[in-house]
Amino acid sequence: MSQPKTSVTVSVSQNGPYVVTGGVALAEQVIATNAEGESESWKEGRTYPAQQRYALCRCGNSAKKPFCDGTHAKVGFDGTETASRERYVDQAKSFDGPALVLTDARSLCASGRFCDPNGEVWHQVARTDDPEVKATFLRQVNNCPAGRLVAWNKTTGLPVETELPTSIGLIEDPAEGCSGPIWLRGEIALLSADGFAYEVRNRMTLCRCGASKNKPFCDGSHAEIKFRAT
C-alpha cells in the first residue's frame, strides 16, 4: 500500500480538476443490486476513448462531465483539501475475528453500501471461521470502492485484497438515483495540490460533486445532494 505499481498519476489542481496522466482506462462502474435493493456487485457501463492525459471535473459543475470545462473558475470553486494525511492504518478502527481482522476508516466512506447485506460486515467478522461467512465477508469488504474497509489475514498480517486493474471508474448508483465518486483502482498515485503524495492504495474514491467535506476524498455527500453527472 505504499508504492504505485504503474506510472499513472492523478494530480489535484488548486481549486480545479484532477489531472490524470499515464493513459489509464476510464469507464463508468455501476452499482448493481439484488432483489432486495442491496448493493451486490459491480458492472461496467460506458467506456471512454483512451487518452494519455485528461482533466476530470471535481467541482461538479462542468457541462462536459466527466471532463473539466473550466467552470470551476467561473463558480469560484473552493477545492481546499481537508482530508487526513495519515496512513490508512493510523486512521482505521479494528474489529477482531477468529480468522480475519476488519479495519474501518469511517471518514473515507463513499456510501457504496456493500457493507450492509447479510447482517453487516462488522458482525460477520466475528464468524470468519465459517468458510461460507468468510467468503461473503471478503466479497463485501473488497467491493467497498473507497477502501474504507479492509480485511486482514491474522496469520500473515497482510491485507486480503482483490487485485484490481489499474483503471479509473466513474461510479453510478441507480438505486440511489445519483452519480457517485471517481474510483481510483489498482494502486494509482495521488498527488495533492501542494505536492504531497497520498498513501498509494488499491481502492480510493475522489469527490466529483464538489460537496465533500473530506476533499479530495469522497464522504458520501453526492447521495445527500443527489448529484447527477449525466
Protein backbone atom coordinates (compact mmCIF):
# COMPACT_ATOMS: atom_id res chain seq x y z
CA MET A 1 0.00 0.00 0.00
CA SER A 2 2.93 2.37 -0.35
CA GLN A 3 4.43 2.32 -3.87
CA PRO A 4 2.45 2.70 -7.11
CA LYS A 5 2.78 -0.26 -9.46
CA THR A 6 2.33 1.86 -12.60
CA SER A 7 3.24 5.34 -13.87
CA VAL A 8 -0.38 6.51 -13.71
CA THR A 9 -0.76 9.64 -11.62
CA VAL A 10 -3.73 11.74 -10.56
CA SER A 11 -2.80 15.28 -9.51
CA VAL A 12 -5.22 17.53 -7.65
CA SER A 13 -5.04 21.06 -9.04
CA GLN A 14 -5.70 24.02 -6.74
CA ASN A 15 -9.44 24.72 -6.85
CA GLY A 16 -9.51 22.94 -10.19
CA PRO A 17 -9.75 19.48 -11.76
CA TYR A 18 -7.95 16.19 -11.27
CA VAL A 19 -5.24 15.94 -13.91
CA VAL A 20 -4.72 12.34 -14.97
CA THR A 21 -1.57 11.19 -16.74
CA GLY A 22 -0.37 7.78 -17.86
CA GLY A 23 -3.01 6.76 -20.38
CA VAL A 24 -5.21 4.95 -17.85
CA ALA A 25 -8.58 3.45 -18.84
CA LEU A 26 -11.73 5.37 -17.85
CA ALA A 27 -15.19 3.80 -17.60
CA GLU A 28 -18.45 4.02 -15.67
CA GLN A 29 -18.73 1.49 -12.85
CA VAL A 30 -22.34 0.85 -11.89
CA ILE A 31 -23.54 -0.47 -8.52
CA ALA A 32 -25.77 -3.46 -9.21
CA THR A 33 -28.31 -4.50 -6.57
CA ASN A 34 -30.03 -7.74 -5.60
CA ALA A 35 -33.78 -8.36 -5.41
CA GLU A 36 -33.91 -6.56 -2.05
CA GLY A 37 -32.22 -3.47 -3.47
CA GLU A 38 -28.96 -4.12 -1.62
CA SER A 39 -25.58 -3.40 -3.23
CA GLU A 40 -24.41 -6.72 -4.63
CA SER A 41 -21.81 -6.32 -7.38
CA TRP A 42 -20.25 -4.06 -9.99
CA LYS A 43 -20.98 -3.87 -13.70
CA GLU A 44 -19.18 -1.76 -16.25
CA GLY A 45 -21.07 0.92 -18.12
CA ARG A 46 -19.92 3.45 -20.68
CA THR A 47 -16.24 3.43 -21.59
CA TYR A 48 -14.25 6.43 -22.79
CA PRO A 49 -11.57 6.57 -25.51
CA ALA A 50 -8.04 6.20 -24.19
CA GLN A 51 -6.13 9.44 -23.66
CA GLN A 52 -2.60 9.92 -22.38
CA ARG A 53 -3.67 12.94 -20.32
CA TYR A 54 -7.06 14.32 -19.31
CA ALA A 55 -8.68 16.51 -16.66
CA LEU A 56 -11.65 15.27 -14.64
CA CYS A 57 -14.14 17.71 -13.12
CA ARG A 58 -14.17 17.91 -9.33
CA CYS A 59 -16.37 20.96 -8.79
CA GLY A 60 -19.47 19.14 -10.06
CA ASN A 61 -20.48 21.90 -12.44
CA SER A 62 -18.81 21.12 -15.75
CA ALA A 63 -21.11 20.92 -18.76
CA LYS A 64 -18.76 18.30 -20.21
CA LYS A 65 -18.70 15.83 -17.32
CA PRO A 66 -16.74 13.79 -16.50
CA PHE A 67 -14.19 16.17 -18.02
CA CYS A 68 -13.36 19.67 -16.84
CA ASP A 69 -14.52 22.62 -18.97
CA GLY A 70 -13.17 25.43 -16.77
CA THR A 71 -16.43 26.09 -14.90
CA HIS A 72 -14.65 25.79 -11.54
CA ALA A 73 -13.13 29.24 -12.16
CA LYS A 74 -16.46 30.80 -13.07
CA VAL A 75 -18.25 29.50 -9.96
CA GLY A 76 -15.38 30.19 -7.57
CA PHE A 77 -15.00 26.55 -6.54
CA ASP A 78 -13.17 26.04 -3.25
CA GLY A 79 -11.36 22.73 -3.57
CA THR A 80 -9.27 23.05 -0.43
CA GLU A 81 -8.05 19.62 0.65
CA THR A 82 -9.07 18.83 4.21
CA ALA A 83 -8.55 15.06 4.41
CA SER A 84 -6.15 13.50 6.89
CA ARG A 85 -2.73 12.69 5.52
CA GLU A 86 -2.14 9.90 8.00
CA ARG A 87 -1.69 6.36 6.74
CA TYR A 88 -4.87 4.34 6.43
CA VAL A 89 -3.98 2.02 9.33
CA ASP A 90 -3.48 5.01 11.61
CA GLN A 91 -6.95 6.30 10.79
CA ALA A 92 -8.78 2.99 10.99
CA LYS A 93 -10.53 1.19 13.83
CA SER A 94 -10.03 -2.59 14.09
CA PHE A 95 -12.62 -5.32 14.56
CA ASP A 96 -11.13 -8.68 15.51
CA GLY A 97 -12.38 -12.03 14.25
CA PRO A 98 -11.21 -15.65 14.51
CA ALA A 99 -9.66 -15.78 11.02
CA LEU A 100 -9.67 -12.19 9.79
CA VAL A 101 -9.46 -8.66 11.13
CA LEU A 102 -11.59 -5.85 9.71
CA THR A 103 -10.28 -2.30 9.68
CA ASP A 104 -12.59 0.65 9.10
CA ALA A 105 -11.63 4.26 8.35
CA ARG A 106 -15.10 5.76 8.54
CA SER A 107 -14.13 9.19 7.20
CA LEU A 108 -13.44 7.59 3.80
CA CYS A 109 -16.98 6.22 3.37
CA ALA A 110 -18.33 6.73 -0.15
CA SER A 111 -21.82 5.34 0.55
CA GLY A 112 -21.47 2.27 -1.67
CA ARG A 113 -23.45 0.22 0.90
CA PHE A 114 -21.72 -3.08 0.09
CA CYS A 115 -21.12 -3.43 3.82
CA ASP A 116 -24.81 -3.75 4.70
CA PRO A 117 -26.16 -7.08 3.31
CA ASN A 118 -26.06 -10.37 5.24
CA GLY A 119 -26.05 -8.74 8.65
CA GLU A 120 -23.31 -6.15 8.01
CA VAL A 121 -19.58 -6.85 7.78
CA TRP A 122 -18.87 -5.58 11.33
CA HIS A 123 -20.90 -8.53 12.67
CA GLN A 124 -19.74 -11.02 10.03
CA VAL A 125 -16.08 -10.67 11.01
CA ALA A 126 -16.78 -12.50 14.27
CA ARG A 127 -17.82 -15.57 12.24
CA THR A 128 -15.00 -15.68 9.71
CA ASP A 129 -14.03 -19.16 10.88
CA ASP A 130 -17.09 -20.30 8.90
CA PRO A 131 -15.94 -20.69 5.25
CA GLU A 132 -19.25 -19.51 3.81
CA VAL A 133 -19.39 -16.43 6.02
CA LYS A 134 -15.73 -15.71 5.30
CA ALA A 135 -16.29 -15.79 1.53
CA THR A 136 -19.30 -13.47 1.76
CA PHE A 137 -17.44 -11.16 4.12
CA LEU A 138 -14.44 -10.86 1.81
CA ARG A 139 -16.62 -10.20 -1.23
CA GLN A 140 -18.49 -7.41 0.52
CA VAL A 141 -15.39 -5.80 2.02
CA ASN A 142 -13.50 -5.87 -1.27
CA ASN A 143 -16.46 -4.36 -3.14
CA CYS A 144 -16.15 -1.24 -0.96
CA PRO A 145 -14.84 1.21 -3.57
CA ALA A 146 -13.34 3.70 -1.13
CA GLY A 147 -11.16 1.19 0.66
CA ARG A 148 -12.80 2.37 3.86
CA LEU A 149 -12.97 -1.32 4.76
CA VAL A 150 -10.02 -3.71 4.55
CA ALA A 151 -9.79 -7.36 5.59
CA TRP A 152 -6.52 -8.65 7.04
CA ASN A 153 -5.21 -12.21 7.33
CA LYS A 154 -4.43 -12.83 11.01
CA THR A 155 -1.70 -15.33 10.21
CA THR A 156 0.28 -13.25 7.73
CA GLY A 157 -0.76 -9.80 8.86
CA LEU A 158 -1.32 -8.86 5.21
CA PRO A 159 -4.42 -7.34 3.63
CA VAL A 160 -6.69 -9.69 1.70
CA GLU A 161 -7.34 -7.58 -1.39
CA THR A 162 -8.93 -8.44 -4.72
CA GLU A 163 -6.45 -7.47 -7.42
CA LEU A 164 -7.96 -4.66 -9.44
CA PRO A 165 -6.93 -3.50 -12.90
CA THR A 166 -5.17 -0.15 -12.90
CA SER A 167 -8.08 1.97 -14.06
CA ILE A 168 -10.37 4.84 -13.13
CA GLY A 169 -14.07 4.33 -12.57
CA LEU A 170 -16.92 6.82 -12.60
CA ILE A 171 -19.39 5.41 -10.10
CA GLU A 172 -23.08 5.41 -10.94
CA ASP A 173 -25.63 4.47 -8.26
CA PRO A 174 -29.05 3.80 -9.85
CA ALA A 175 -30.58 2.57 -6.60
CA GLU A 176 -29.94 5.97 -5.00
CA GLY A 177 -30.66 7.90 -8.20
CA CYS A 178 -27.30 9.64 -8.22
CA SER A 179 -23.77 9.62 -9.55
CA GLY A 180 -21.01 8.69 -7.16
CA PRO A 181 -17.31 9.50 -6.90
CA ILE A 182 -14.28 8.90 -9.08
CA TRP A 183 -12.85 5.47 -8.24
CA LEU A 184 -9.09 5.00 -8.38
CA ARG A 185 -8.37 1.29 -8.76
CA GLY A 186 -5.19 -0.74 -8.70
CA GLU A 187 -2.74 1.43 -6.76
CA ILE A 188 -2.79 4.75 -8.60
CA ALA A 189 -0.57 7.55 -7.28
CA LEU A 190 -2.45 10.60 -5.96
CA LEU A 191 -0.74 13.96 -5.51
CA SER A 192 -2.21 16.91 -3.63
CA ALA A 193 -2.27 20.45 -4.96
CA ASP A 194 0.77 21.27 -2.78
CA GLY A 195 2.71 18.23 -3.99
CA PHE A 196 2.05 15.85 -1.08
CA ALA A 197 1.93 12.19 -2.13
CA TYR A 198 -1.04 10.49 -0.51
CA GLU A 199 -0.63 6.87 0.51
CA VAL A 200 -0.97 4.60 -2.51
CA ARG A 201 -3.86 2.18 -2.04
CA ASN A 202 -5.71 -0.45 -4.05
CA ARG A 203 -9.05 1.36 -3.70
CA MET A 204 -9.73 5.07 -3.26
CA THR A 205 -12.64 7.34 -4.14
CA LEU A 206 -12.35 11.03 -5.01
CA CYS A 207 -15.11 13.62 -4.75
CA ARG A 208 -16.55 14.80 -8.08
CA CYS A 209 -19.71 16.52 -6.84
CA GLY A 210 -17.77 19.31 -5.12
CA ALA A 211 -19.60 18.89 -1.81
CA SER A 212 -17.33 16.57 0.17
CA LYS A 213 -16.04 17.86 3.49
CA ASN A 214 -13.12 15.44 3.24
CA LYS A 215 -11.58 16.59 -0.04
CA PRO A 216 -10.06 15.23 -2.16
CA PHE A 217 -11.79 12.07 -0.97
CA CYS A 218 -15.49 11.31 -1.21
CA ASP A 219 -17.52 11.45 2.00
CA GLY A 220 -20.87 10.37 0.56
CA SER A 221 -22.21 13.91 0.02
CA HIS A 222 -23.21 13.04 -3.56
CA ALA A 223 -26.00 10.86 -2.15
CA GLU A 224 -27.31 13.68 0.03
CA ILE A 225 -27.43 16.22 -2.78
CA LYS A 226 -28.47 13.67 -5.44
CA PHE A 227 -25.58 14.66 -7.68
CA ARG A 228 -26.01 13.68 -11.32
CA ALA A 229 -23.17 13.56 -13.81
CA THR A 230 -25.45 13.00 -16.79
